Amino acid sequence: MVSTLKLNEIDAAFETLTYPVTSDDAADEFSDTTLVLADGERNLGSLLRQLQADHFETADELETELHNVLPREAVGEPFQSEGEG
């Protein structure tokens, strides 16, 4: 099922996974999900394949690592609300 998520919805999406989870399993789960960012759209599965860590104990760990691979422009200008527009 193809889906679209805004960056501010990612925490709820990651909560649907069973933890601990590997980065490969997370990437497979979201392989058909488009992540809408301030500077365009990216495939969430592809982004998750770029993560440095190979497993995660919590959704928060996974989300933090995802933010580490996003370009600065992806989250918008400083002080701008995520997903607003």
PDB file of N, CA and C in Angstrom:
ATOM      1  N   MET A   1       0.841  -1.181   0.000  1.00  0.00           N
ATOM      2  CA  MET A   1       0.000   0.000   0.000  1.00  0.00           C
ATOM      3  C   MET A   1       0.885   1.242   0.000  1.00  0.00           C
ATOM      4  N   VAL A   2       0.756   2.050  -1.015  1.00  0.00           N
ATOM      5  CA  VAL A   2       1.530   3.280  -1.112  1.00  0.00           C
ATOM      6  C   VAL A   2       0.907   4.325  -0.194  1.00  0.00           C
ATOM      7  N   SER A   3       1.764   5.010   0.568  1.00  0.00           N
ATOM      8  CA  SER A   3       1.248   6.036   1.465  1.00  0.00           C
ATOM      9  C   SER A   3       2.174   7.244   1.463  1.00  0.00           C
ATOM     10  N   THR A   4       1.671   8.322   2.004  1.00  0.00           N
ATOM     11  CA  THR A   4       2.418   9.564   2.111  1.00  0.00           C
ATOM     12  C   THR A   4       2.367  10.030   3.548  1.00  0.00           C
ATOM     13  N   LEU A   5       3.525  10.456   4.061  1.00  0.00           N
ATOM     14  CA  LEU A   5       3.625  10.965   5.425  1.00  0.00           C
ATOM     15  C   LEU A   5       4.317  12.312   5.420  1.00  0.00           C
ATOM     16  N   LYS A   6       3.884  13.195   6.297  1.00  0.00           N
ATOM     17  CA  LYS A   6       4.626  14.422   6.570  1.00  0.00           C
ATOM     18  C   LYS A   6       5.641  14.100   7.657  1.00  0.00           C
ATOM     19  N   LEU A   7       6.683  14.903   7.723  1.00  0.00           N
ATOM     20  CA  LEU A   7       7.738  14.660   8.702  1.00  0.00           C
ATOM     21  C   LEU A   7       7.199  14.663  10.130  1.00  0.00           C
ATOM     22  N   ASN A   8       6.208  15.504  10.409  1.00  0.00           N
ATOM     23  CA  ASN A   8       5.664  15.555  11.763  1.00  0.00           C
ATOM     24  C   ASN A   8       4.739  14.376  12.084  1.00  0.00           C
ATOM     25  N   GLU A   9       4.524  13.475  11.127  1.00  0.00           N
ATOM     26  CA  GLU A   9       3.719  12.272  11.351  1.00  0.00           C
ATOM     27  C   GLU A   9       4.580  11.018  11.509  1.00  0.00           C
ATOM     28  N   ILE A  10       5.894  11.188  11.385  1.00  0.00           N
ATOM     29  CA  ILE A  10       6.787  10.035  11.351  1.00  0.00           C
ATOM     30  C   ILE A  10       6.818   9.283  12.677  1.00  0.00           C
ATOM     31  N   ASP A  11       6.685   9.997  13.794  1.00  0.00           N
ATOM     32  CA  ASP A  11       6.740   9.327  15.097  1.00  0.00           C
ATOM     33  C   ASP A  11       5.617   8.310  15.241  1.00  0.00           C
ATOM     34  N   ALA A  12       4.418   8.674  14.828  1.00  0.00           N
ATOM     35  CA  ALA A  12       3.281   7.750  14.915  1.00  0.00           C
ATOM     36  C   ALA A  12       3.484   6.556  13.985  1.00  0.00           C
ATOM     37  N   ALA A  13       4.043   6.797  12.799  1.00  0.00           N
ATOM     38  CA  ALA A  13       4.296   5.703  11.862  1.00  0.00           C
ATOM     39  C   ALA A  13       5.332   4.743  12.422  1.00  0.00           C
ATOM     40  N   PHE A  14       6.398   5.272  13.016  1.00  0.00           N
ATOM     41  CA  PHE A  14       7.439   4.418  13.582  1.00  0.00           C
ATOM     42  C   PHE A  14       6.935   3.640  14.786  1.00  0.00           C
ATOM     43  N   GLU A  15       5.945   4.150  15.492  1.00  0.00           N
ATOM     44  CA  GLU A  15       5.358   3.443  16.637  1.00  0.00           C
ATOM     45  C   GLU A  15       4.642   2.164  16.213  1.00  0.00           C
ATOM     46  N   THR A  16       4.299   2.034  14.927  1.00  0.00           N
ATOM     47  CA  THR A  16       3.589   0.838  14.457  1.00  0.00           C
ATOM     48  C   THR A  16       4.522  -0.360  14.283  1.00  0.00           C
ATOM     49  N   LEU A  17       5.837  -0.123  14.288  1.00  0.00           N
ATOM     50  CA  LEU A  17       6.804  -1.212  14.150  1.00  0.00           C
ATOM     51  C   LEU A  17       6.957  -1.971  15.461  1.00  0.00           C
ATOM     52  N   THR A  18       7.415  -3.197  15.381  1.00  0.00           N
ATOM     53  CA  THR A  18       7.720  -4.004  16.561  1.00  0.00           C
ATOM     54  C   THR A  18       9.210  -3.863  16.860  1.00  0.00           C
ATOM     55  N   TYR A  19       9.513  -3.469  18.087  1.00  0.00           N
ATOM     56  CA  TYR A  19      10.909  -3.226  18.493  1.00  0.00           C
ATOM     57  C   TYR A  19      11.409  -4.326  19.403  1.00  0.00           C
ATOM     58  N   PRO A  20      12.715  -4.616  19.330  1.00  0.00           N
ATOM     59  CA  PRO A  20      13.713  -3.961  18.486  1.00  0.00           C
ATOM     60  C   PRO A  20      13.480  -4.279  17.012  1.00  0.00           C
ATOM     61  N   VAL A  21      13.962  -3.375  16.146  1.00  0.00           N
ATOM     62  CA  VAL A  21      13.809  -3.530  14.702  1.00  0.00           C
ATOM     63  C   VAL A  21      15.146  -3.219  14.030  1.00  0.00           C
ATOM     64  N   THR A  22      15.435  -3.915  12.951  1.00  0.00           N
ATOM     65  CA  THR A  22      16.648  -3.613  12.191  1.00  0.00           C
ATOM     66  C   THR A  22      16.343  -2.494  11.196  1.00  0.00           C
ATOM     67  N   SER A  23      17.382  -1.824  10.758  1.00  0.00           N
ATOM     68  CA  SER A  23      17.181  -0.766   9.768  1.00  0.00           C
ATOM     69  C   SER A  23      16.659  -1.353   8.456  1.00  0.00           C
ATOM     70  N   ASP A  24      17.105  -2.561   8.105  1.00  0.00           N
ATOM     71  CA  ASP A  24      16.610  -3.210   6.879  1.00  0.00           C
ATOM     72  C   ASP A  24      15.116  -3.528   6.976  1.00  0.00           C
ATOM     73  N   ASP A  25      14.682  -4.039   8.131  1.00  0.00           N
ATOM     74  CA  ASP A  25      13.261  -4.347   8.296  1.00  0.00           C
ATOM     75  C   ASP A  25      12.413  -3.080   8.262  1.00  0.00           C
ATOM     76  N   ALA A  26      12.897  -2.016   8.888  1.00  0.00           N
ATOM     77  CA  ALA A  26      12.176  -0.734   8.861  1.00  0.00           C
ATOM     78  C   ALA A  26      12.107  -0.204   7.431  1.00  0.00           C
ATOM     79  N   ALA A  27      13.230  -0.301   6.713  1.00  0.00           N
ATOM     80  CA  ALA A  27      13.262   0.164   5.324  1.00  0.00           C
ATOM     81  C   ALA A  27      12.285  -0.634   4.464  1.00  0.00           C
ATOM     82  N   ASP A  28      12.228  -1.948   4.664  1.00  0.00           N
ATOM     83  CA  ASP A  28      11.284  -2.783   3.919  1.00  0.00           C
ATOM     84  C   ASP A  28       9.842  -2.395   4.233  1.00  0.00           C
ATOM     85  N   GLU A  29       9.569  -2.134   5.493  1.00  0.00           N
ATOM     86  CA  GLU A  29       8.207  -1.776   5.919  1.00  0.00           C
ATOM     87  C   GLU A  29       7.735  -0.469   5.265  1.00  0.00           C
ATOM     88  N   PHE A  30       8.659   0.462   5.066  1.00  0.00           N
ATOM     89  CA  PHE A  30       8.292   1.776   4.522  1.00  0.00           C
ATOM     90  C   PHE A  30       8.803   1.980   3.089  1.00  0.00           C
ATOM     91  N   SER A  31       9.039   0.885   2.378  1.00  0.00           N
ATOM     92  CA  SER A  31       9.591   0.983   1.023  1.00  0.00           C
ATOM     93  C   SER A  31       8.654   1.676   0.038  1.00  0.00           C
ATOM     94  N   ASP A  32       7.362   1.673   0.317  1.00  0.00           N
ATOM     95  CA  ASP A  32       6.403   2.313  -0.584  1.00  0.00           C
ATOM     96  C   ASP A  32       5.784   3.559   0.045  1.00  0.00           C
ATOM     97  N   THR A  33       6.513   4.174   0.971  1.00  0.00           N
ATOM     98  CA  THR A  33       6.018   5.364   1.657  1.00  0.00           C
ATOM     99  C   THR A  33       6.796   6.590   1.200  1.00  0.00           C
ATOM    100  N   THR A  34       6.069   7.617   0.814  1.00  0.00           N
ATOM    101  CA  THR A  34       6.670   8.892   0.424  1.00  0.00           C
ATOM    102  C   THR A  34       6.671   9.807   1.631  1.00  0.00           C
ATOM    103  N   LEU A  35       7.838  10.375   1.938  1.00  0.00           N
ATOM    104  CA  LEU A  35       7.975  11.322   3.034  1.00  0.00           C
ATOM    105  C   LEU A  35       7.997  12.723   2.442  1.00  0.00           C
ATOM    106  N   VAL A  36       7.026  13.561   2.842  1.00  0.00           N
ATOM    107  CA  VAL A  36       6.920  14.933   2.355  1.00  0.00           C
ATOM    108  C   VAL A  36       7.769  15.821   3.253  1.00  0.00           C
ATOM    109  N   LEU A  37       8.743  16.491   2.643  1.00  0.00           N
ATOM    110  CA  LEU A  37       9.671  17.365   3.364  1.00  0.00           C
ATOM    111  C   LEU A  37       9.523  18.796   2.866  1.00  0.00           C
ATOM    112  N   ALA A  38      10.136  19.726   3.558  1.00  0.00           N
ATOM    113  CA  ALA A  38      10.054  21.132   3.162  1.00  0.00           C
ATOM    114  C   ALA A  38      10.650  21.364   1.781  1.00  0.00           C
ATOM    115  N   ASP A  39      11.637  20.558   1.386  1.00  0.00           N
ATOM    116  CA  ASP A  39      12.296  20.757   0.095  1.00  0.00           C
ATOM    117  C   ASP A  39      11.881  19.732  -0.958  1.00  0.00           C
ATOM    118  N   GLY A  40      10.777  19.049  -0.740  1.00  0.00           N
ATOM    119  CA  GLY A  40      10.304  18.070  -1.715  1.00  0.00           C
ATOM    120  C   GLY A  40       9.896  16.769  -1.062  1.00  0.00           C
ATOM    121  N   GLU A  41       9.974  15.689  -1.816  1.00  0.00           N
ATOM    122  CA  GLU A  41       9.563  14.377  -1.328  1.00  0.00           C
ATOM    123  C   GLU A  41      10.717  13.395  -1.459  1.00  0.00           C
ATOM    124  N   ARG A  42      10.765  12.422  -0.542  1.00  0.00           N
ATOM    125  CA  ARG A  42      11.770  11.364  -0.582  1.00  0.00           C
ATOM    126  C   ARG A  42      11.077  10.043  -0.240  1.00  0.00           C
ATOM    127  N   ASN A  43      11.629   8.952  -0.737  1.00  0.00           N
ATOM    128  CA  ASN A  43      11.136   7.641  -0.375  1.00  0.00           C
ATOM    129  C   ASN A  43      11.664   7.307   1.014  1.00  0.00           C
ATOM    130  N   LEU A  44      10.775   7.027   1.950  1.00  0.00           N
ATOM    131  CA  LEU A  44      11.171   6.769   3.329  1.00  0.00           C
ATOM    132  C   LEU A  44      12.018   5.509   3.443  1.00  0.00           C
ATOM    133  N   GLY A  45      11.681   4.466   2.705  1.00  0.00           N
ATOM    134  CA  GLY A  45      12.474   3.243   2.734  1.00  0.00           C
ATOM    135  C   GLY A  45      13.907   3.494   2.310  1.00  0.00           C
ATOM    136  N   SER A  46      14.090   4.290   1.265  1.00  0.00           N
ATOM    137  CA  SER A  46      15.442   4.614   0.795  1.00  0.00           C
ATOM    138  C   SER A  46      16.219   5.403   1.839  1.00  0.00           C
ATOM    139  N   LEU A  47      15.558   6.327   2.509  1.00  0.00           N
ATOM    140  CA  LEU A  47      16.217   7.093   3.570  1.00  0.00           C
ATOM    141  C   LEU A  47      16.642   6.176   4.716  1.00  0.00           C
ATOM    142  N   LEU A  48      15.775   5.228   5.077  1.00  0.00           N
ATOM    143  CA  LEU A  48      16.088   4.320   6.181  1.00  0.00           C
ATOM    144  C   LEU A  48      17.253   3.396   5.839  1.00  0.00           C
ATOM    145  N   ARG A  49      17.458   3.117   4.575  1.00  0.00           N
ATOM    146  CA  ARG A  49      18.593   2.285   4.156  1.00  0.00           C
ATOM    147  C   ARG A  49      19.922   3.040   4.312  1.00  0.00           C
ATOM    148  N   GLN A  50      19.879   4.353   4.460  1.00  0.00           N
ATOM    149  CA  GLN A  50      21.088   5.170   4.615  1.00  0.00           C
ATOM    150  C   GLN A  50      21.534   5.309   6.072  1.00  0.00           C
ATOM    151  N   LEU A  51      20.756   4.790   7.007  1.00  0.00           N
ATOM    152  CA  LEU A  51      21.066   4.966   8.423  1.00  0.00           C
ATOM    153  C   LEU A  51      22.377   4.278   8.801  1.00  0.00           C
ATOM    154  N   GLN A  52      23.101   4.883   9.728  1.00  0.00           N
ATOM    155  CA  GLN A  52      24.366   4.322  10.192  1.00  0.00           C
ATOM    156  C   GLN A  52      24.148   3.133  11.135  1.00  0.00           C
ATOM    157  N   ALA A  53      23.187   3.245  12.039  1.00  0.00           N
ATOM    158  CA  ALA A  53      22.909   2.163  12.985  1.00  0.00           C
ATOM    159  C   ALA A  53      22.166   1.043  12.264  1.00  0.00           C
ATOM    160  N   ASP A  54      22.357  -0.184  12.746  1.00  0.00           N
ATOM    161  CA  ASP A  54      21.692  -1.301  12.078  1.00  0.00           C
ATOM    162  C   ASP A  54      20.502  -1.854  12.840  1.00  0.00           C
ATOM    163  N   HIS A  55      20.298  -1.414  14.091  1.00  0.00           N
ATOM    164  CA  HIS A  55      19.085  -1.814  14.816  1.00  0.00           C
ATOM    165  C   HIS A  55      18.698  -0.737  15.817  1.00  0.00           C
ATOM    166  N   PHE A  56      17.417  -0.764  16.193  1.00  0.00           N
ATOM    167  CA  PHE A  56      16.847   0.266  17.059  1.00  0.00           C
ATOM    168  C   PHE A  56      15.968  -0.381  18.111  1.00  0.00           C
ATOM    169  N   GLU A  57      16.089   0.115  19.321  1.00  0.00           N
ATOM    170  CA  GLU A  57      15.298  -0.396  20.437  1.00  0.00           C
ATOM    171  C   GLU A  57      13.950   0.313  20.575  1.00  0.00           C
ATOM    172  N   THR A  58      13.852   1.562  20.078  1.00  0.00           N
ATOM    173  CA  THR A  58      12.626   2.342  20.218  1.00  0.00           C
ATOM    174  C   THR A  58      12.353   3.164  18.960  1.00  0.00           C
ATOM    175  N   ALA A  59      11.119   3.625  18.848  1.00  0.00           N
ATOM    176  CA  ALA A  59      10.747   4.505  17.741  1.00  0.00           C
ATOM    177  C   ALA A  59      11.521   5.822  17.817  1.00  0.00           C
ATOM    178  N   ASP A  60      11.775   6.306  19.020  1.00  0.00           N
ATOM    179  CA  ASP A  60      12.536   7.550  19.177  1.00  0.00           C
ATOM    180  C   ASP A  60      13.952   7.410  18.629  1.00  0.00           C
ATOM    181  N   GLU A  61      14.596   6.278  18.874  1.00  0.00           N
ATOM    182  CA  GLU A  61      15.944   6.043  18.339  1.00  0.00           C
ATOM    183  C   GLU A  61      15.924   6.063  16.814  1.00  0.00           C
ATOM    184  N   LEU A  62      14.926   5.416  16.238  1.00  0.00           N
ATOM    185  CA  LEU A  62      14.806   5.358  14.785  1.00  0.00           C
ATOM    186  C   LEU A  62      14.569   6.755  14.211  1.00  0.00           C
ATOM    187  N   GLU A  63      13.700   7.521  14.840  1.00  0.00           N
ATOM    188  CA  GLU A  63      13.404   8.872  14.360  1.00  0.00           C
ATOM    189  C   GLU A  63      14.636   9.771  14.459  1.00  0.00           C
ATOM    190  N   THR A  64      15.364   9.670  15.553  1.00  0.00           N
ATOM    191  CA  THR A  64      16.581  10.472  15.712  1.00  0.00           C
ATOM    192  C   THR A  64      17.585  10.155  14.620  1.00  0.00           C
ATOM    193  N   GLU A  65      17.767   8.882  14.346  1.00  0.00           N
ATOM    194  CA  GLU A  65      18.715   8.483  13.307  1.00  0.00           C
ATOM    195  C   GLU A  65      18.244   8.951  11.930  1.00  0.00           C
ATOM    196  N   LEU A  66      16.945   8.926  11.673  1.00  0.00           N
ATOM    197  CA  LEU A  66      16.419   9.427  10.405  1.00  0.00           C
ATOM    198  C   LEU A  66      16.762  10.904  10.236  1.00  0.00           C
ATOM    199  N   HIS A  67      16.576  11.681  11.283  1.00  0.00           N
ATOM    200  CA  HIS A  67      16.876  13.117  11.206  1.00  0.00           C
ATOM    201  C   HIS A  67      18.350  13.354  10.887  1.00  0.00           C
ATOM    202  N   ASN A  68      19.213  12.431  11.273  1.00  0.00           N
ATOM    203  CA  ASN A  68      20.641  12.575  10.990  1.00  0.00           C
ATOM    204  C   ASN A  68      20.973  12.426   9.511  1.00  0.00           C
ATOM    205  N   VAL A  69      20.118  11.768   8.730  1.00  0.00           N
ATOM    206  CA  VAL A  69      20.397  11.602   7.302  1.00  0.00           C
ATOM    207  C   VAL A  69      19.634  12.597   6.433  1.00  0.00           C
ATOM    208  N   LEU A  70      18.739  13.361   7.027  1.00  0.00           N
ATOM    209  CA  LEU A  70      17.994  14.358   6.255  1.00  0.00           C
ATOM    210  C   LEU A  70      18.852  15.600   6.045  1.00  0.00           C
ATOM    211  N   PRO A  71      18.834  16.167   4.841  1.00  0.00           N
ATOM    212  CA  PRO A  71      19.541  17.431   4.650  1.00  0.00           C
ATOM    213  C   PRO A  71      18.857  18.536   5.450  1.00  0.00           C
ATOM    214  N   ARG A  72      19.619  19.534   5.842  1.00  0.00           N
ATOM    215  CA  ARG A  72      19.076  20.617   6.663  1.00  0.00           C
ATOM    216  C   ARG A  72      17.852  21.262   6.017  1.00  0.00           C
ATOM    217  N   GLU A  73      17.888  21.418   4.694  1.00  0.00           N
ATOM    218  CA  GLU A  73      16.781  22.060   3.982  1.00  0.00           C
ATOM    219  C   GLU A  73      15.497  21.243   4.049  1.00  0.00           C
ATOM    220  N   ALA A  74      15.608  19.959   4.345  1.00  0.00           N
ATOM    221  CA  ALA A  74      14.445  19.073   4.347  1.00  0.00           C
ATOM    222  C   ALA A  74      13.446  19.414   5.433  1.00  0.00           C
ATOM    223  N   VAL A  75      13.921  19.994   6.512  1.00  0.00           N
ATOM    224  CA  VAL A  75      13.026  20.304   7.631  1.00  0.00           C
ATOM    225  C   VAL A  75      12.582  21.754   7.627  1.00  0.00           C
ATOM    226  N   GLY A  76      12.957  22.533   6.631  1.00  0.00           N
ATOM    227  CA  GLY A  76      12.493  23.900   6.502  1.00  0.00           C
ATOM    228  C   GLY A  76      13.398  24.905   7.175  1.00  0.00           C
ATOM    229  N   GLU A  77      12.918  26.118   7.212  1.00  0.00           N
ATOM    230  CA  GLU A  77      13.670  27.196   7.827  1.00  0.00           C
ATOM    231  C   GLU A  77      13.596  27.112   9.338  1.00  0.00           C
ATOM    232  N   PRO A  78      14.609  27.635  10.046  1.00  0.00           N
ATOM    233  CA  PRO A  78      14.537  27.659  11.510  1.00  0.00           C
ATOM    234  C   PRO A  78      13.256  28.348  11.973  1.00  0.00           C
ATOM    235  N   PHE A  79      12.648  27.829  13.015  1.00  0.00           N
ATOM    236  CA  PHE A  79      11.422  28.351  13.639  1.00  0.00           C
ATOM    237  C   PHE A  79      10.163  28.118  12.824  1.00  0.00           C
ATOM    238  N   GLN A  80      10.264  27.397  11.708  1.00  0.00           N
ATOM    239  CA  GLN A  80       9.087  27.071  10.893  1.00  0.00           C
ATOM    240  C   GLN A  80       8.486  25.789  11.441  1.00  0.00           C
ATOM    241  N   SER A  81       7.160  25.724  11.525  1.00  0.00           N
ATOM    242  CA  SER A  81       6.477  24.526  11.991  1.00  0.00           C
ATOM    243  C   SER A  81       6.623  23.416  10.964  1.00  0.00           C
ATOM    244  N   GLU A  82       6.798  22.187  11.440  1.00  0.00           N
ATOM    245  CA  GLU A  82       6.851  21.054  10.544  1.00  0.00           C
ATOM    246  C   GLU A  82       5.472  20.738  10.019  1.00  0.00           C
ATOM    247  N   GLY A  83       5.387  20.499   8.731  1.00  0.00           N
ATOM    248  CA  GLY A  83       4.143  20.046   8.136  1.00  0.00           C
ATOM    249  C   GLY A  83       3.072  21.112   7.989  1.00  0.00           C
ATOM    250  N   GLU A  84       3.363  22.330   8.349  1.00  0.00           N
ATOM    251  CA  GLU A  84       2.391  23.393   8.195  1.00  0.00           C
ATOM    252  C   GLU A  84       2.491  23.936   6.780  1.00  0.00           C
ATOM    253  N   GLY A  85       1.401  24.390   6.271  1.00  0.00           N
ATOM    254  CA  GLY A  85       1.550  24.998   4.957  1.00  0.00           C
ATOM    255  C   GLY A  85       0.310  25.210   4.207  1.00  0.00           C
TER     256      GLY A  85
END
